[in-house]
Amino acid sequence: MEPGTRLNERYRLRVRLGERGGPEVWRAADELFDRTVLVTFLGPDEGGHDRHQRQVKRLAGLSHPAIAAIFDYDRTRNADGLLASFVVTELPDGEDLGTRLERNPPSYWEALDICARVAEALAAAHAAGVTHGSLERGKIALTSGGVRVTGFETGTPADGGPQEAADVFALGVVLSECLGASLGLDARSLTSLPEQVAGLRRQCCAMEAEDRPSAARVAAILARAGRPPDGTDQRPGVPVRRSPRSPARRGGRIAVAFTLLAVIGATVGVLLSSRDAAPGRSPAGRDTALADRPPMEVATAPSLSTDAARTVEALSGVQARVYGAVDDGEIRSDVALDLGNVIGNLRNDLISNQSVDVPARIDQLKEKVSTRQRERVLSDGLATELISSLSRISP
């Protein structure tokens, strides 16, 4: 395709994105609704149009907060005169992960949070029968509404086999790139990571597809691993990346710095919710099993009231507990994804609109937990714990 090409008398191609040789992805103008969109060509159909269409319908039906929305799907003739399917999706605001890694690498905790969101998106897609096919950091957008995964090729159905495993391998590469950039380490030095994270990275990048974990398991492990101690940005055994403008302090100055961090740790959770880190705003990130933790930043969150910030933190803790329970067999993975998405939607709505009716939404969530308990897809102990935690957020 060439710049200026008009599809369906509506989408005018402007700029091709990504590397030549890969799927054609274009920034385009939707002249009907006067908006900028992404157009991804899925290659010559060769009888695959119906298959692509089924996959796109499945993906469009997800409405997952970490998956770019699908607007349209059709086909056209390419430069060789062959019919080629294309899908039109939202163009997320903000910047892609590759740009962020080069401009201002995320912290260790933020890197874990970003990859956890991507894992959630892949897990949801796989559960719906869709694989990504070409995940890389340029197809992960850090937007005002959180992480968005773009560029799904939707060519091969997900069936728990090699195509899903290929997505997990790609996620392992992204995880390695994020952690390497955030800590200032190359791939060989990433062996110094905490074993839970280092082990996960090795599993994702295992040579044999059957040795790689599912995307749902990766999401659960990352949710459990993303636990900044005392509001600091250091994981035991992992060095803190120093900004070029803030060289590492030596000797007594390091001791003073860490003493100050300990003093202000109790207030970091509220302060981080309004701290500027990059253009746009960020949703809160994952948390430990119901332990307090400052919300992770992907971009810049709007200023929240103290009560709203605490509610966001608490919701993050409940969400992380849900994901962590998959590992312990307390909840079925698909049910964990469903509950996690509901909690994440409430948390994100609260961040973008502080007039959300939190008590009503919490009541709906507690009822959902009770229903799942009656269906015997989560343990009685976990249900009691989740309902108790939600009741503390909104009695």
Protein backbone atom coordinates (compact mmCIF):
# COMPACT_ATOMS: atom_id res chain seq x y z
CA MET A 1 0.00 0.00 0.00
CA GLU A 2 1.07 3.59 -0.52
CA PRO A 3 0.46 6.78 1.51
CA GLY A 4 -2.75 8.45 0.41
CA THR A 5 -4.51 5.19 -0.44
CA ARG A 6 -8.18 5.39 0.53
CA LEU A 7 -9.98 2.29 1.80
CA ASN A 8 -13.76 1.88 1.67
CA GLU A 9 -14.07 5.57 0.75
CA ARG A 10 -13.28 6.27 4.40
CA TYR A 11 -9.82 5.35 5.69
CA ARG A 12 -6.91 7.29 4.15
CA LEU A 13 -3.48 5.78 4.82
CA ARG A 14 -0.97 8.32 6.13
CA VAL A 15 2.19 6.78 7.58
CA ARG A 16 3.39 3.20 7.69
CA LEU A 17 4.55 2.13 11.13
CA GLY A 18 7.05 -0.53 12.17
CA GLU A 19 9.69 -2.38 10.21
CA ARG A 20 9.38 -3.33 6.57
CA GLY A 21 8.90 -7.03 6.14
CA GLY A 22 6.44 -7.36 9.02
CA PRO A 23 2.66 -6.92 8.88
CA GLU A 24 1.65 -3.64 7.26
CA VAL A 25 0.44 -1.30 9.99
CA TRP A 26 -0.59 2.22 9.04
CA ARG A 27 -1.56 5.36 10.83
CA ALA A 28 -4.67 6.45 8.96
CA ALA A 29 -7.39 9.08 8.98
CA ASP A 30 -10.96 7.93 9.52
CA GLU A 31 -12.60 10.62 7.41
CA LEU A 32 -16.12 9.68 8.49
CA PHE A 33 -15.54 10.31 12.20
CA ASP A 34 -12.56 12.66 11.87
CA ARG A 35 -10.23 10.59 14.02
CA THR A 36 -6.85 8.92 13.67
CA VAL A 37 -6.83 5.11 13.62
CA LEU A 38 -4.53 2.16 13.00
CA VAL A 39 -5.04 -0.02 9.94
CA THR A 40 -3.36 -3.44 10.04
CA PHE A 41 -3.25 -5.58 6.91
CA LEU A 42 -3.49 -9.29 7.64
CA GLY A 43 -1.90 -10.42 4.38
CA PRO A 44 -3.40 -11.98 1.24
CA ASP A 45 -6.51 -13.93 2.14
CA GLU A 46 -5.91 -17.13 0.18
CA GLY A 47 -9.18 -18.37 1.59
CA GLY A 48 -8.47 -16.98 5.05
CA HIS A 49 -10.93 -14.08 5.08
CA ASP A 50 -13.59 -16.03 6.99
CA ARG A 51 -10.97 -17.25 9.48
CA HIS A 52 -9.70 -13.70 10.01
CA GLN A 53 -13.27 -12.48 10.41
CA ARG A 54 -14.03 -15.05 13.09
CA GLN A 55 -10.88 -14.10 14.98
CA VAL A 56 -11.56 -10.37 14.73
CA LYS A 57 -15.12 -10.89 16.02
CA ARG A 58 -13.79 -12.81 18.99
CA LEU A 59 -11.24 -10.12 19.74
CA ALA A 60 -13.78 -7.32 19.31
CA GLY A 61 -16.10 -9.05 21.75
CA LEU A 62 -13.55 -8.93 24.57
CA SER A 63 -13.79 -5.20 25.43
CA HIS A 64 -10.66 -5.71 27.53
CA PRO A 65 -9.12 -2.52 28.98
CA ALA A 66 -5.62 -3.55 27.87
CA ILE A 67 -6.58 -4.45 24.27
CA ALA A 68 -7.00 -1.71 21.68
CA ALA A 69 -10.63 -1.38 20.57
CA ILE A 70 -11.58 -2.71 17.13
CA PHE A 71 -13.59 -0.37 14.91
CA ASP A 72 -13.89 -2.12 11.56
CA TYR A 73 -12.87 -5.11 9.45
CA ASP A 74 -12.92 -5.57 5.69
CA ARG A 75 -10.70 -6.42 2.75
CA THR A 76 -9.22 -4.68 -0.26
CA ARG A 77 -6.82 -5.41 -3.12
CA ASN A 78 -3.12 -4.88 -2.45
CA ALA A 79 -0.46 -3.67 -4.90
CA ASP A 80 -0.32 -7.15 -6.47
CA GLY A 81 -4.05 -7.17 -7.08
CA LEU A 82 -4.67 -9.79 -4.38
CA LEU A 83 -7.45 -9.49 -1.85
CA ALA A 84 -6.06 -8.67 1.62
CA SER A 85 -8.00 -8.43 4.86
CA PHE A 86 -7.45 -5.44 7.11
CA VAL A 87 -8.61 -4.49 10.59
CA VAL A 88 -9.12 -0.94 11.87
CA THR A 89 -8.39 -0.30 15.56
CA GLU A 90 -8.06 2.62 17.90
CA LEU A 91 -4.79 4.53 17.90
CA PRO A 92 -3.94 4.80 21.60
CA ASP A 93 -2.69 8.12 22.91
CA GLY A 94 0.62 8.42 24.73
CA GLU A 95 3.76 6.64 23.53
CA ASP A 96 4.76 3.09 22.76
CA LEU A 97 6.87 1.07 25.18
CA GLY A 98 9.91 1.11 22.90
CA THR A 99 9.97 4.90 22.92
CA ARG A 100 9.52 4.95 26.69
CA LEU A 101 12.41 2.53 27.25
CA GLU A 102 14.73 4.77 25.24
CA ARG A 103 13.46 8.10 26.60
CA ASN A 104 12.92 7.41 30.29
CA PRO A 105 13.03 3.73 31.33
CA PRO A 106 10.36 2.71 33.85
CA SER A 107 11.26 1.72 37.38
CA TYR A 108 11.65 -1.96 38.24
CA TRP A 109 8.14 -2.04 39.75
CA GLU A 110 6.57 -0.18 36.85
CA ALA A 111 8.23 -2.59 34.41
CA LEU A 112 6.64 -5.52 36.24
CA ASP A 113 3.29 -3.74 36.22
CA ILE A 114 3.41 -3.00 32.48
CA CYS A 115 4.26 -6.61 31.67
CA ALA A 116 1.53 -7.85 34.02
CA ARG A 117 -1.02 -5.80 32.08
CA VAL A 118 0.26 -7.19 28.78
CA ALA A 119 0.05 -10.73 30.20
CA GLU A 120 -3.55 -10.08 31.24
CA ALA A 121 -4.40 -8.91 27.72
CA LEU A 122 -2.81 -12.01 26.16
CA ALA A 123 -4.55 -14.29 28.65
CA ALA A 124 -7.92 -12.75 27.85
CA ALA A 125 -7.28 -13.06 24.11
CA HIS A 126 -6.13 -16.67 24.44
CA ALA A 127 -9.22 -17.51 26.49
CA ALA A 128 -11.33 -16.07 23.67
CA GLY A 129 -9.49 -18.15 21.07
CA VAL A 130 -7.22 -15.42 19.65
CA THR A 131 -3.42 -15.15 19.50
CA HIS A 132 -1.43 -11.96 18.91
CA GLY A 133 1.17 -13.32 16.54
CA SER A 134 3.73 -10.48 16.59
CA LEU A 135 3.96 -8.97 20.06
CA GLU A 136 6.85 -6.57 20.57
CA ARG A 137 7.45 -3.39 22.55
CA GLY A 138 6.37 -1.13 19.69
CA LYS A 139 2.88 -2.65 19.90
CA ILE A 140 2.45 -1.86 23.58
CA ALA A 141 1.09 1.64 24.15
CA LEU A 142 1.32 3.51 27.45
CA THR A 143 -1.80 5.64 27.36
CA SER A 144 -3.77 8.00 29.55
CA GLY A 145 -6.03 5.04 30.35
CA GLY A 146 -3.29 2.50 31.02
CA VAL A 147 -1.53 -0.12 28.93
CA ARG A 148 -2.98 -0.99 25.49
CA VAL A 149 -1.82 -3.89 23.34
CA THR A 150 -2.17 -3.24 19.62
CA GLY A 151 -1.32 -5.02 16.37
CA PHE A 152 -3.09 -8.36 16.84
CA GLU A 153 -2.62 -10.33 13.62
CA THR A 154 -5.59 -12.59 14.45
CA GLY A 155 -4.48 -15.17 11.92
CA THR A 156 -4.19 -18.34 14.00
CA PRO A 157 -6.78 -19.51 16.55
CA ALA A 158 -5.55 -19.97 20.11
CA ASP A 159 -5.83 -23.57 21.20
CA GLY A 160 -3.35 -23.84 24.04
CA GLY A 161 -0.64 -24.89 21.57
CA PRO A 162 2.44 -23.41 19.87
CA GLN A 163 0.82 -20.12 18.84
CA GLU A 164 -0.08 -19.24 22.41
CA ALA A 165 3.39 -20.32 23.51
CA ALA A 166 4.88 -18.02 20.85
CA ASP A 167 2.99 -15.09 22.38
CA VAL A 168 4.38 -16.00 25.81
CA PHE A 169 7.92 -16.17 24.40
CA ALA A 170 7.45 -12.69 22.92
CA LEU A 171 6.19 -11.50 26.30
CA GLY A 172 9.34 -12.93 27.90
CA VAL A 173 11.43 -10.87 25.50
CA VAL A 174 9.47 -7.73 26.39
CA LEU A 175 9.88 -8.50 30.10
CA SER A 176 13.65 -8.87 29.61
CA GLU A 177 13.84 -5.58 27.69
CA CYS A 178 11.83 -3.73 30.33
CA LEU A 179 13.83 -5.03 33.27
CA GLY A 180 17.13 -4.55 31.48
CA ALA A 181 16.30 -0.92 30.70
CA SER A 182 14.89 -0.16 34.14
CA LEU A 183 17.90 -1.59 35.98
CA GLY A 184 20.60 -0.62 33.51
CA LEU A 185 21.53 -4.28 32.95
CA ASP A 186 22.12 -6.36 29.85
CA ALA A 187 20.42 -9.71 29.32
CA ARG A 188 23.33 -11.67 30.82
CA SER A 189 23.15 -9.65 34.05
CA LEU A 190 19.45 -10.29 34.56
CA THR A 191 20.34 -13.46 36.44
CA SER A 192 20.71 -11.19 39.50
CA LEU A 193 16.95 -10.66 39.58
CA PRO A 194 14.88 -12.11 42.43
CA GLU A 195 14.38 -15.79 41.69
CA GLN A 196 10.62 -15.50 41.22
CA VAL A 197 11.07 -12.97 38.41
CA ALA A 198 14.27 -14.48 36.99
CA GLY A 199 12.64 -17.91 36.93
CA LEU A 200 9.56 -16.55 35.18
CA ARG A 201 11.69 -14.85 32.55
CA ARG A 202 13.55 -18.12 31.89
CA GLN A 203 10.30 -20.07 31.64
CA CYS A 204 8.74 -17.62 29.18
CA CYS A 205 11.83 -17.83 26.96
CA ALA A 206 12.22 -21.61 27.22
CA MET A 207 13.29 -23.24 23.97
CA GLU A 208 10.49 -25.81 24.06
CA ALA A 209 6.97 -24.43 23.73
CA GLU A 210 5.53 -26.91 26.20
CA ASP A 211 7.91 -25.64 28.90
CA ARG A 212 6.48 -22.12 28.78
CA PRO A 213 3.72 -21.07 31.21
CA SER A 214 0.33 -19.83 30.09
CA ALA A 215 -0.23 -16.08 29.80
CA ALA A 216 -2.71 -16.33 32.71
CA ARG A 217 -0.02 -17.87 34.91
CA VAL A 218 2.46 -15.16 33.89
CA ALA A 219 -0.09 -12.50 34.87
CA ALA A 220 -0.63 -14.16 38.26
CA ILE A 221 3.10 -14.44 39.00
CA LEU A 222 3.82 -10.85 37.98
CA ALA A 223 0.95 -9.65 40.17
CA ARG A 224 2.50 -11.48 43.11
CA ALA A 225 6.04 -10.34 42.29
CA GLY A 226 5.14 -6.65 41.95
CA ARG A 227 5.45 -5.81 45.64
CA PRO A 228 7.57 -2.74 46.37
CA PRO A 229 8.67 -2.94 50.02
CA ASP A 230 7.82 0.04 52.21
CA GLY A 231 7.05 2.22 49.20
CA THR A 232 10.68 2.16 48.00
CA ASP A 233 11.83 1.31 44.49
CA GLN A 234 14.36 -1.36 45.37
CA ARG A 235 13.95 -5.12 45.30
CA PRO A 236 16.33 -7.07 47.56
CA GLY A 237 19.34 -8.05 45.49
CA VAL A 238 18.42 -5.72 42.61
CA PRO A 239 20.32 -2.47 42.12
CA VAL A 240 18.37 0.76 41.68
CA ARG A 241 18.82 2.40 38.30
CA ARG A 242 20.20 5.90 38.72
CA SER A 243 18.97 8.70 36.51
CA PRO A 244 21.73 10.37 34.43
CA ARG A 245 20.78 13.62 36.13
CA SER A 246 20.99 11.99 39.58
CA PRO A 247 24.33 10.13 39.89
CA ALA A 248 24.67 7.54 42.64
CA ARG A 249 25.58 8.90 46.00
CA ARG A 250 28.46 7.40 47.93
CA GLY A 251 29.10 6.38 51.54
CA GLY A 252 27.17 8.35 54.11
CA ARG A 253 25.04 10.12 51.50
CA ILE A 254 23.51 6.76 50.52
CA ALA A 255 22.67 6.02 54.15
CA VAL A 256 21.02 9.42 54.53
CA ALA A 257 18.99 8.90 51.34
CA PHE A 258 17.65 5.53 52.47
CA THR A 259 16.84 6.91 55.92
CA LEU A 260 14.77 9.64 54.30
CA LEU A 261 13.00 7.08 52.12
CA ALA A 262 12.01 5.12 55.21
CA VAL A 263 10.60 8.26 56.85
CA ILE A 264 8.46 9.28 53.89
CA GLY A 265 7.45 5.72 52.91
CA ALA A 266 4.11 5.97 54.72
CA THR A 267 2.98 8.87 52.51
CA VAL A 268 4.31 7.69 49.16
CA GLY A 269 1.08 5.86 48.27
CA VAL A 270 -0.90 9.09 48.13
CA LEU A 271 1.83 11.18 46.56
CA LEU A 272 2.52 8.76 43.72
CA SER A 273 -1.05 8.94 42.51
CA SER A 274 -0.42 12.50 41.29
CA ARG A 275 3.28 12.35 40.46
CA ASP A 276 4.31 13.23 36.88
CA ALA A 277 6.31 10.53 35.14
CA ALA A 278 5.38 10.82 31.46
CA PRO A 279 2.68 12.43 29.28
CA GLY A 280 -0.84 11.24 30.10
CA ARG A 281 -2.14 9.65 33.22
CA SER A 282 -1.74 6.21 34.65
CA PRO A 283 -3.98 3.66 36.29
CA ALA A 284 -2.91 2.25 39.59
CA GLY A 285 -0.78 -0.85 39.33
CA ARG A 286 -0.84 -4.30 40.87
CA ASP A 287 -0.40 -4.91 44.55
CA THR A 288 0.41 -7.66 47.02
CA ALA A 289 -2.11 -9.87 48.78
CA LEU A 290 -4.12 -7.07 50.34
CA ALA A 291 -1.02 -5.22 51.57
CA ASP A 292 -0.75 -1.45 51.14
CA ARG A 293 1.31 -0.32 48.19
CA PRO A 294 1.67 2.89 46.17
CA PRO A 295 -0.12 2.66 42.83
CA MET A 296 2.24 2.00 39.91
CA GLU A 297 2.58 4.63 37.25
CA VAL A 298 2.58 4.12 33.52
CA ALA A 299 2.02 7.75 32.76
CA THR A 300 0.80 10.67 34.85
CA ALA A 301 -2.33 10.18 36.94
CA PRO A 302 -4.70 13.06 37.58
CA SER A 303 -4.64 14.44 41.10
CA LEU A 304 -6.76 12.28 43.38
CA SER A 305 -8.16 13.06 46.76
CA THR A 306 -6.63 11.19 49.68
CA ASP A 307 -9.72 8.97 50.03
CA ALA A 308 -9.78 8.20 46.28
CA ALA A 309 -6.07 7.35 46.27
CA ARG A 310 -6.54 4.99 49.21
CA THR A 311 -9.47 3.31 47.49
CA VAL A 312 -7.41 2.85 44.33
CA GLU A 313 -4.60 1.29 46.38
CA ALA A 314 -7.00 -1.03 48.18
CA LEU A 315 -8.59 -2.15 44.91
CA SER A 316 -5.14 -2.88 43.51
CA GLY A 317 -4.46 -5.07 46.54
CA VAL A 318 -7.68 -7.03 46.08
CA GLN A 319 -6.97 -7.48 42.38
CA ALA A 320 -3.47 -8.79 43.06
CA ARG A 321 -4.86 -11.22 45.65
CA VAL A 322 -7.24 -12.57 43.00
CA TYR A 323 -4.45 -13.12 40.48
CA GLY A 324 -2.12 -14.58 43.08
CA ALA A 325 -4.76 -17.11 44.10
CA VAL A 326 -4.48 -18.82 40.71
CA ASP A 327 -1.04 -20.10 41.65
CA ASP A 328 -2.39 -21.62 44.86
CA GLY A 329 -5.34 -23.30 43.18
CA GLU A 330 -7.85 -21.17 45.11
CA ILE A 331 -9.54 -19.87 41.97
CA ARG A 332 -9.91 -20.98 38.37
CA SER A 333 -7.75 -18.89 36.02
CA ASP A 334 -10.60 -17.71 33.77
CA VAL A 335 -12.62 -16.66 36.83
CA ALA A 336 -9.59 -14.77 38.18
CA LEU A 337 -9.29 -12.89 34.89
CA ASP A 338 -12.99 -12.01 34.96
CA LEU A 339 -12.92 -10.72 38.56
CA GLY A 340 -9.61 -8.96 37.97
CA ASN A 341 -11.04 -7.12 34.97
CA VAL A 342 -14.09 -5.98 36.95
CA ILE A 343 -11.87 -4.68 39.75
CA GLY A 344 -9.51 -3.02 37.27
CA ASN A 345 -12.40 -1.29 35.50
CA LEU A 346 -13.66 0.15 38.80
CA ARG A 347 -10.17 1.29 39.74
CA ASN A 348 -9.58 2.94 36.35
CA ASP A 349 -13.02 4.59 36.38
CA LEU A 350 -12.23 6.02 39.79
CA ILE A 351 -8.92 7.42 38.55
CA SER A 352 -10.55 9.14 35.56
CA ASN A 353 -13.80 10.15 37.28
CA GLN A 354 -13.92 10.69 41.01
CA SER A 355 -17.74 10.83 41.02
CA VAL A 356 -17.98 7.04 40.58
CA ASP A 357 -20.56 5.39 42.87
CA VAL A 358 -18.01 3.23 44.68
CA PRO A 359 -20.41 1.63 47.24
CA ALA A 360 -22.77 0.41 44.51
CA ARG A 361 -19.93 -0.96 42.41
CA ILE A 362 -18.38 -2.68 45.44
CA ASP A 363 -21.75 -4.28 46.27
CA GLN A 364 -21.97 -5.62 42.72
CA LEU A 365 -18.47 -7.00 43.01
CA LYS A 366 -19.18 -8.71 46.33
CA GLU A 367 -22.28 -10.31 44.81
CA LYS A 368 -20.16 -11.53 41.90
CA VAL A 369 -17.69 -13.12 44.33
CA SER A 370 -20.55 -14.79 46.21
CA THR A 371 -21.98 -16.13 42.96
CA ARG A 372 -18.63 -17.58 41.95
CA GLN A 373 -18.32 -19.14 45.41
CA ARG A 374 -21.68 -20.85 44.98
CA GLU A 375 -20.54 -22.10 41.56
CA ARG A 376 -17.54 -23.69 43.35
CA VAL A 377 -14.98 -22.02 41.04
CA LEU A 378 -13.22 -20.26 43.91
CA SER A 379 -12.55 -21.46 47.43
CA ASP A 380 -14.71 -20.54 50.42
CA GLY A 381 -11.68 -19.12 52.19
CA LEU A 382 -10.76 -16.84 49.28
CA ALA A 383 -14.36 -15.67 48.89
CA THR A 384 -14.55 -14.76 52.59
CA GLU A 385 -11.23 -12.91 52.39
CA LEU A 386 -12.20 -10.95 49.26
CA ILE A 387 -15.62 -9.96 50.60
CA SER A 388 -14.05 -8.86 53.89
CA SER A 389 -11.46 -6.75 52.06
CA LEU A 390 -14.10 -5.18 49.81
CA SER A 391 -16.25 -4.43 52.85
CA ARG A 392 -13.37 -2.48 54.38
CA ILE A 393 -13.21 -0.37 51.24
CA SER A 394 -16.96 0.35 51.35
CA PRO A 395 -18.71 -0.93 54.51
